[in-house]
C-alpha atoms as a PDB file:
ATOM      1  CA  MET A   1     -30.222  67.309 -29.766  1.00  0.00           C
ATOM      2  CA  THR A   2     -32.715  64.237 -28.469  1.00  0.00           C
ATOM      3  CA  ILE A   3     -34.380  64.786 -25.004  1.00  0.00           C
ATOM      4  CA  ARG A   4     -31.824  61.707 -24.445  1.00  0.00           C
ATOM      5  CA  THR A   5     -28.861  63.662 -25.063  1.00  0.00           C
ATOM      6  CA  LEU A   6     -29.569  66.251 -22.750  1.00  0.00           C
ATOM      7  CA  ALA A   7     -30.604  64.232 -19.849  1.00  0.00           C
ATOM      8  CA  ALA A   8     -27.049  62.258 -20.358  1.00  0.00           C
ATOM      9  CA  ALA A   9     -25.403  65.707 -20.110  1.00  0.00           C
ATOM     10  CA  LEU A  10     -27.342  66.904 -17.300  1.00  0.00           C
ATOM     11  CA  ALA A  11     -26.317  63.557 -15.545  1.00  0.00           C
ATOM     12  CA  LEU A  12     -22.793  63.976 -16.264  1.00  0.00           C
ATOM     13  CA  ALA A  13     -22.747  67.965 -15.314  1.00  0.00           C
ATOM     14  CA  LEU A  14     -24.260  67.091 -11.964  1.00  0.00           C
ATOM     15  CA  THR A  15     -22.461  64.224 -10.950  1.00  0.00           C
ATOM     16  CA  PRO A  16     -19.931  65.763  -9.091  1.00  0.00           C
ATOM     17  CA  ALA A  17     -21.926  68.085  -7.106  1.00  0.00           C
ATOM     18  CA  LEU A  18     -24.612  65.275  -6.002  1.00  0.00           C
ATOM     19  CA  ALA A  19     -20.852  63.032  -5.118  1.00  0.00           C
ATOM     20  CA  PHE A  20     -19.611  66.359  -3.101  1.00  0.00           C
ATOM     21  CA  ALA A  21     -23.081  66.633  -1.312  1.00  0.00           C
ATOM     22  CA  GLU A  22     -23.256  62.984  -0.271  1.00  0.00           C
ATOM     23  CA  GLY A  23     -19.679  62.513   1.100  1.00  0.00           C
ATOM     24  CA  CYS A  24     -19.420  65.675   2.925  1.00  0.00           C
ATOM     25  CA  ASN A  25     -21.284  64.583   5.909  1.00  0.00           C
ATOM     26  CA  TYR A  26     -19.807  66.412   9.165  1.00  0.00           C
ATOM     27  CA  ASP A  27     -22.671  65.817  11.893  1.00  0.00           C
ATOM     28  CA  THR A  28     -20.888  65.948  14.790  1.00  0.00           C
ATOM     29  CA  GLN A  29     -22.729  65.985  18.395  1.00  0.00           C
ATOM     30  CA  ALA A  30     -20.671  66.525  21.953  1.00  0.00           C
ATOM     31  CA  MET A  31     -20.258  63.908  23.858  1.00  0.00           C
ATOM     32  CA  SER A  32     -21.039  64.779  27.607  1.00  0.00           C
ATOM     33  CA  CYS A  33     -20.878  62.254  30.609  1.00  0.00           C
ATOM     34  CA  ALA A  34     -22.399  62.061  33.878  1.00  0.00           C
ATOM     35  CA  ASP A  35     -20.230  63.757  36.907  1.00  0.00           C
ATOM     36  CA  GLY A  36     -17.216  61.185  37.846  1.00  0.00           C
ATOM     37  CA  THR A  37     -16.985  59.867  34.079  1.00  0.00           C
ATOM     38  CA  VAL A  38     -14.632  60.856  31.506  1.00  0.00           C
ATOM     39  CA  TYR A  39     -15.345  59.825  28.064  1.00  0.00           C
ATOM     40  CA  ASP A  40     -13.432  56.914  26.565  1.00  0.00           C
ATOM     41  CA  ALA A  41     -12.992  57.066  22.918  1.00  0.00           C
ATOM     42  CA  ALA A  42     -11.578  53.499  22.307  1.00  0.00           C
ATOM     43  CA  SER A  43     -14.859  52.302  23.920  1.00  0.00           C
ATOM     44  CA  GLY A  44     -16.683  54.988  22.935  1.00  0.00           C
ATOM     45  CA  THR A  45     -18.550  55.447  26.670  1.00  0.00           C
ATOM     46  CA  CYS A  46     -18.147  57.034  29.913  1.00  0.00           C
ATOM     47  CA  VAL A  47     -15.981  55.440  32.167  1.00  0.00           C
ATOM     48  CA  ALA A  48     -15.914  55.835  35.766  1.00  0.00           C
ATOM     49  CA  THR A  49     -12.413  57.960  37.137  1.00  0.00           C
ATOM     50  CA  SER A  50     -10.583  56.821  39.713  1.00  0.00           C
ATOM     51  CA  ILE A  51      -8.928  59.831  42.067  1.00  0.00           C
ATOM     52  CA  ASN A  52      -5.049  58.350  43.235  1.00  0.00           C
ATOM     53  CA  SER A  53      -4.186  61.393  45.670  1.00  0.00           C
END
């Protein structure tokens, strides 16, 4: 086998692993808001709460 054939075989063998590693980015952070505010998922920001008693 030539070097070119071996390099192509190696690239084809590693492609699924590299694609899986690239697509699995589950880096999430917890959102915390100041007192008197809550997180609004629609706007992606903290909004003031209104207390209706």
